[in-house]
Protein backbone atom coordinates (compact mmCIF):
# COMPACT_ATOMS: atom_id res chain seq x y z
CA MET A 1 -21.69 -72.37 57.14
CA LEU A 2 -19.92 -71.38 53.89
CA VAL A 3 -22.11 -70.62 50.77
CA VAL A 4 -19.99 -70.43 47.42
CA ASP A 5 -21.47 -69.19 44.33
CA ASP A 6 -20.56 -66.75 41.66
CA GLU A 7 -23.90 -65.25 41.31
CA ILE A 8 -24.80 -62.65 44.06
CA MET A 9 -28.61 -63.31 43.50
CA ASN A 10 -28.06 -66.92 44.42
CA ILE A 11 -26.13 -66.27 47.36
CA GLU A 12 -28.69 -63.64 48.68
CA LEU A 13 -31.32 -66.13 48.29
CA LEU A 14 -29.61 -69.26 50.23
CA LYS A 15 -28.59 -66.53 52.90
CA ALA A 16 -32.41 -65.70 53.33
CA TYR A 17 -33.21 -69.23 53.76
CA LEU A 18 -30.35 -70.04 56.08
CA GLU A 19 -29.76 -66.86 58.43
CA GLU A 20 -32.81 -67.58 60.70
CA LYS A 21 -30.84 -70.86 61.84
CA TYR A 22 -27.13 -70.55 60.88
CA ASP A 23 -24.26 -67.99 60.89
CA VAL A 24 -23.61 -67.84 56.99
CA VAL A 25 -20.20 -66.86 55.39
CA THR A 26 -20.12 -66.27 51.61
CA ALA A 27 -17.52 -66.45 48.80
CA ILE A 28 -18.05 -65.70 45.05
CA ASN A 29 -15.46 -68.11 43.70
CA GLY A 30 -13.61 -71.32 44.24
CA LYS A 31 -10.44 -69.65 45.18
CA ASP A 32 -11.79 -67.29 47.76
CA ALA A 33 -13.56 -70.52 49.33
CA LEU A 34 -10.58 -72.26 49.82
CA GLU A 35 -8.84 -69.43 51.45
CA LEU A 36 -11.77 -68.89 53.93
CA VAL A 37 -12.03 -72.51 55.04
CA PRO A 38 -9.13 -72.62 57.29
CA TYR A 39 -10.16 -69.27 58.99
CA GLU A 40 -13.97 -69.75 59.21
CA LYS A 41 -13.90 -73.56 59.88
CA PRO A 42 -17.49 -74.00 58.62
CA ASP A 43 -19.81 -76.82 59.69
CA ILE A 44 -21.16 -77.26 56.19
CA ILE A 45 -20.55 -75.92 52.71
CA LEU A 46 -23.07 -75.15 49.96
CA LEU A 47 -20.91 -75.27 46.78
CA ASP A 48 -22.00 -74.25 43.36
CA VAL A 49 -20.41 -76.19 40.39
CA MET A 50 -19.99 -73.62 37.39
CA MET A 51 -17.63 -70.94 38.69
CA PRO A 52 -14.98 -69.10 36.47
CA ASP A 53 -11.67 -69.79 38.14
CA ILE A 54 -12.14 -73.12 39.90
CA ASN A 55 -15.12 -75.19 39.44
CA GLY A 56 -16.99 -76.65 42.45
CA TYR A 57 -15.73 -80.22 41.73
CA GLN A 58 -12.25 -79.16 41.86
CA VAL A 59 -12.95 -77.10 45.21
CA CYS A 60 -14.71 -80.33 46.82
CA GLU A 61 -11.65 -82.47 45.57
CA THR A 62 -9.30 -80.11 47.28
CA LEU A 63 -11.13 -79.89 50.44
CA LYS A 64 -11.72 -83.88 50.65
CA ALA A 65 -8.00 -84.39 50.19
CA ASP A 66 -7.05 -82.34 53.20
CA SER A 67 -7.06 -84.35 56.42
CA GLU A 68 -8.37 -81.25 58.37
CA HIS A 69 -11.25 -80.40 56.27
CA LYS A 70 -12.38 -83.83 54.55
CA PHE A 71 -15.14 -84.25 56.80
CA ILE A 72 -16.73 -81.20 56.39
CA PRO A 73 -20.14 -81.92 54.53
CA VAL A 74 -20.25 -80.34 50.98
CA ILE A 75 -23.74 -80.09 49.32
CA MET A 76 -23.46 -79.27 45.45
CA VAL A 77 -25.93 -76.65 44.62
CA THR A 78 -26.11 -76.21 40.91
CA ALA A 79 -28.41 -75.83 37.74
CA LEU A 80 -26.72 -78.95 36.37
CA SER A 81 -29.00 -81.83 36.69
CA GLY A 82 -27.63 -84.68 34.39
CA ARG A 83 -26.62 -88.16 35.38
CA ASP A 84 -22.84 -87.49 34.74
CA ASP A 85 -23.08 -84.23 36.65
CA TRP A 86 -24.27 -86.20 39.74
CA ILE A 87 -21.67 -88.82 39.24
CA ALA A 88 -18.91 -86.27 38.95
CA GLY A 89 -20.22 -84.65 42.22
CA ILE A 90 -20.02 -87.97 44.01
CA GLU A 91 -16.56 -88.65 42.59
CA ALA A 92 -15.29 -85.36 43.87
CA GLY A 93 -16.50 -86.15 47.31
CA ALA A 94 -19.74 -84.35 47.57
CA ASP A 95 -22.12 -85.52 50.24
CA GLU A 96 -25.28 -84.22 48.72
CA PHE A 97 -26.42 -82.75 45.33
CA LEU A 98 -29.28 -80.14 45.11
CA THR A 99 -30.44 -78.84 41.81
CA LYS A 100 -31.51 -75.09 41.31
CA PRO A 101 -33.94 -73.59 42.04
CA VAL A 102 -33.71 -74.97 45.68
CA ASN A 103 -36.60 -75.81 47.69
CA LYS A 104 -36.05 -74.20 51.08
CA MET A 105 -37.53 -76.95 53.11
CA GLU A 106 -35.43 -79.75 51.11
CA LEU A 107 -32.38 -77.56 51.60
CA LEU A 108 -32.86 -77.33 55.54
CA THR A 109 -33.58 -80.94 55.75
CA ARG A 110 -30.47 -81.98 53.98
CA ILE A 111 -28.40 -79.78 56.11
CA THR A 112 -29.88 -81.10 59.35
CA SER A 113 -29.29 -84.50 58.14
CA LEU A 114 -25.57 -84.05 57.33
CA LEU A 115 -25.03 -82.03 60.62
CA LYS A 116 -26.26 -85.00 62.44
CA LEU A 117 -23.93 -87.47 60.72
CA LYS A 118 -21.26 -85.11 61.11
CA LYS A 119 -21.52 -85.01 64.90
CA MET A 120 -21.95 -88.83 65.24
CA HIS A 121 -18.86 -89.05 63.39
CA TYR A 122 -16.90 -86.76 65.47
CA ASP A 123 -18.36 -88.47 68.61
CA LEU A 124 -17.14 -91.94 67.43
CA LEU A 125 -13.66 -90.45 66.64
CA ALA A 126 -13.55 -88.67 70.22
CA GLU A 127 -14.66 -92.09 71.88
CA ARG A 128 -11.87 -93.84 69.84
CA ASP A 129 -9.19 -91.39 71.05
CA LYS A 130 -10.28 -91.60 74.51
CA LEU A 131 -10.32 -95.44 74.41
CA ASP A 132 -6.86 -95.18 72.79
CA LEU A 133 -5.39 -92.65 75.26
CA GLN A 134 -6.82 -94.84 78.34
CA ASN A 135 -5.20 -98.01 77.11
CA LYS A 136 -2.08 -96.39 76.26
CA ILE A 137 -1.64 -94.74 79.66
CA ARG A 138 -3.00 -97.69 81.71
CA SER A 139 -0.51 -100.06 79.94
CA VAL A 140 2.36 -97.95 80.76
CA LEU A 141 1.71 -97.27 84.29
CA THR A 142 0.96 -100.92 85.15
CA GLN A 143 4.20 -101.81 83.57
CA ILE A 144 6.12 -99.55 85.17
CA ILE A 145 4.67 -99.47 88.73
CA PRO A 146 5.06 -103.12 89.72
CA THR A 147 8.48 -103.54 87.86
CA LEU A 148 10.00 -100.22 88.76
CA LEU A 149 8.75 -98.62 91.77
CA ARG A 150 9.24 -101.61 94.08
CA THR A 151 13.01 -101.88 93.22
CA LEU A 152 13.46 -98.26 93.70
CA PRO A 153 14.95 -96.59 96.90
CA ALA A 154 12.67 -94.36 98.57
CA GLU A 155 14.06 -91.19 97.51
CA GLN A 156 13.83 -91.94 93.87
CA LYS A 157 10.31 -93.12 94.03
CA SER A 158 9.00 -89.29 94.18
CA ILE A 159 10.99 -88.68 91.17
CA VAL A 160 9.42 -91.42 89.14
CA ILE A 161 5.99 -90.46 90.46
CA HIS A 162 6.43 -86.97 89.54
CA GLN A 163 7.43 -87.88 85.88
CA MET A 164 4.49 -90.23 85.50
CA ILE A 165 2.27 -87.34 86.66
CA ASN A 166 3.58 -85.11 84.05
CA MET A 167 3.28 -87.85 81.26
CA VAL A 168 -0.32 -88.55 82.11
CA VAL A 169 -1.11 -84.81 82.41
CA GLU A 170 0.44 -83.83 79.06
CA ALA A 171 -0.89 -86.77 77.13
CA ILE A 172 -4.56 -85.88 78.29
CA LEU A 173 -4.07 -82.27 77.56
CA GLU A 174 -3.54 -82.97 74.02
CA ASN A 175 -7.00 -84.29 73.63
CA THR A 176 -8.30 -81.14 75.77
CA ASP A 177 -9.68 -78.31 74.01
CA PRO A 178 -6.80 -75.55 74.17
CA GLU A 179 -9.25 -72.70 73.94
CA SER A 180 -11.25 -73.54 77.01
CA ASP A 181 -10.82 -71.05 79.44
CA VAL A 182 -10.88 -71.25 83.29
CA ILE A 183 -12.69 -68.37 84.87
CA GLY A 184 -12.88 -68.55 88.78
CA ILE A 185 -12.48 -71.27 91.02
CA GLU A 186 -15.92 -72.77 90.28
CA CYS A 187 -14.51 -73.87 86.99
CA ILE A 188 -11.29 -75.72 87.97
CA GLY A 189 -13.03 -78.45 89.48
CA ASP A 190 -15.02 -79.23 86.27
CA ILE A 191 -11.58 -79.03 84.26
CA CYS A 192 -10.01 -81.62 86.83
CA CYS A 193 -13.08 -83.87 86.21
CA GLN A 194 -13.04 -83.51 82.47
CA ILE A 195 -9.35 -84.62 82.40
CA ILE A 196 -9.44 -87.25 85.04
CA ASN A 197 -12.46 -88.67 83.25
CA GLN A 198 -10.60 -89.28 80.04
CA LEU A 199 -9.00 -91.97 81.72
CA GLY A 200 -12.36 -93.97 82.58
CA ALA A 201 -13.33 -92.27 85.75
CA ASP A 202 -16.68 -90.96 86.51
CA PHE A 203 -15.73 -87.97 88.88
CA GLU A 204 -17.92 -85.07 89.78
CA SER A 205 -17.06 -81.67 91.37
CA GLU A 206 -19.03 -80.21 94.18
CA MET A 207 -18.63 -76.68 95.63
CA LYS A 208 -17.91 -76.23 99.59
CA ALA A 209 -18.33 -73.41 101.74
CA GLU A 210 -16.64 -75.04 104.92
CA GLY A 211 -13.41 -73.09 106.14
CA ASN A 212 -10.91 -73.42 103.62
CA SER A 213 -12.54 -76.07 101.54
CA VAL A 214 -13.30 -74.85 97.96
CA PHE A 215 -14.65 -77.86 96.45
CA THR A 216 -14.57 -81.64 96.48
CA ILE A 217 -14.20 -84.13 93.64
CA HIS A 218 -15.72 -87.59 94.11
CA GLY A 219 -16.95 -90.81 92.06
CA ASN A 220 -17.33 -94.29 92.32
CA THR A 221 -15.45 -95.32 89.03
CA CYS A 222 -11.71 -95.48 89.48
CA PRO A 223 -9.78 -94.04 86.52
CA TRP A 224 -7.15 -96.71 86.71
CA GLY A 225 -9.62 -99.60 87.69
CA LYS A 226 -10.75 -100.53 91.06
CA GLU A 227 -8.83 -103.89 91.28
CA GLU A 228 -5.59 -102.36 89.76
CA ALA A 229 -5.64 -99.52 92.19
CA GLN A 230 -6.08 -101.96 95.04
CA LEU A 231 -3.11 -104.01 93.99
CA ASN A 232 -1.28 -100.69 93.43
CA PRO A 233 -2.47 -98.00 95.83
CA ILE A 234 0.13 -95.68 94.47
CA LEU A 235 -2.22 -95.10 91.62
CA CYS A 236 -4.32 -93.19 94.15
CA THR A 237 -1.30 -90.95 94.84
CA LEU A 238 -0.98 -90.54 91.07
CA SER A 239 -4.60 -89.11 90.89
CA ARG A 240 -3.93 -86.63 93.65
CA GLY A 241 -0.71 -85.72 91.72
CA ILE A 242 -2.67 -85.14 88.40
CA PHE A 243 -5.02 -82.77 90.28
CA SER A 244 -2.24 -80.85 92.01
CA ARG A 245 -0.49 -80.41 88.46
CA ILE A 246 -3.67 -79.11 87.08
CA LEU A 247 -3.99 -76.51 89.75
CA ASP A 248 -0.28 -75.49 88.98
CA ILE A 249 -1.06 -75.26 85.18
CA TYR A 250 -4.08 -73.02 85.75
CA GLY A 251 -2.44 -70.97 88.60
CA GLN A 252 -4.70 -71.93 91.36
CA ASP A 253 -3.72 -71.46 95.22
CA MET A 254 -5.02 -74.54 96.40
CA GLU A 255 -3.94 -77.96 97.59
CA VAL A 256 -5.37 -81.46 97.36
CA ASP A 257 -6.32 -83.61 100.41
CA VAL A 258 -7.09 -87.27 99.80
CA LEU A 259 -10.24 -88.39 101.95
CA GLU A 260 -11.13 -91.79 100.40
CA THR A 261 -10.04 -93.96 97.80
CA MET A 262 -11.10 -97.20 96.27
CA GLY A 263 -7.38 -98.50 96.21
CA ASN A 264 -7.54 -98.27 100.00
CA GLY A 265 -10.92 -100.22 99.94
CA ASP A 266 -13.05 -97.27 100.37
CA GLU A 267 -16.49 -97.35 98.41
CA GLN A 268 -15.58 -94.25 96.43
CA CYS A 269 -12.74 -91.70 95.77
CA THR A 270 -13.10 -88.28 97.31
CA PHE A 271 -10.64 -85.56 96.95
CA GLN A 272 -10.85 -82.26 98.74
CA PHE A 273 -9.65 -79.04 97.35
CA VAL A 274 -8.45 -76.62 99.95
CA LYS A 275 -7.32 -72.75 99.75
CA ILE A 276 -3.76 -72.18 100.73
CA ASP A 277 -3.62 -69.47 103.34
CA TYR A 278 -0.16 -67.43 103.08
């Protein structure tokens, strides 16, 4: 959370209200605030209006005009209370307007409400992006497979499948948090599920301790659609290839065995991840 005010006393009071629940970063003028936002990435901003260099309205307008920051909620916290001041705040893009002296409970309630709305907004964007990704990949693959693979000689089919796998994995990884770290083999199964589930699957990872078997991934919702997979069982090969590609990306010495697939008429899909012995 970023608190912006040119009066130290006001900053200290707001910090005292907020620090029990939130991490608070402060700025004493609008210029510092605009420089801090890209680095601190605050979830919400409390912004004074009357500041000497750039006033709060200008800071808010600048943030709301930036595609990366326009959805950060901004609460104007100011001594100004006239109707025109409220209108100016709304026109600048402010999400809330609180008048000093600020009531602690009112402030915390407004913050909680705005953070809930922000989460709902990003959840909707993520769901939209997920559906767009699914539709894009499925559309491309269902056009390529029937028209192209059936006419290709066997030696070229593996090349096309490899290219499709790379295309799918790269497209999905664009929507995957690049800062998520994989620590230990227990995490790679979750990563595989996270990635394949972006295509509409409902797969889960289960750790094993049988021989060389590390874990299995299984589920009864096919990423390609059950009927489509039965028409084109090669899509199941594509699923296996995606998992193998993920193992390569994260440097895991494992291979993937296919135990069951809905494309072959089974009730569920099951993939076994086996440690490679050298």
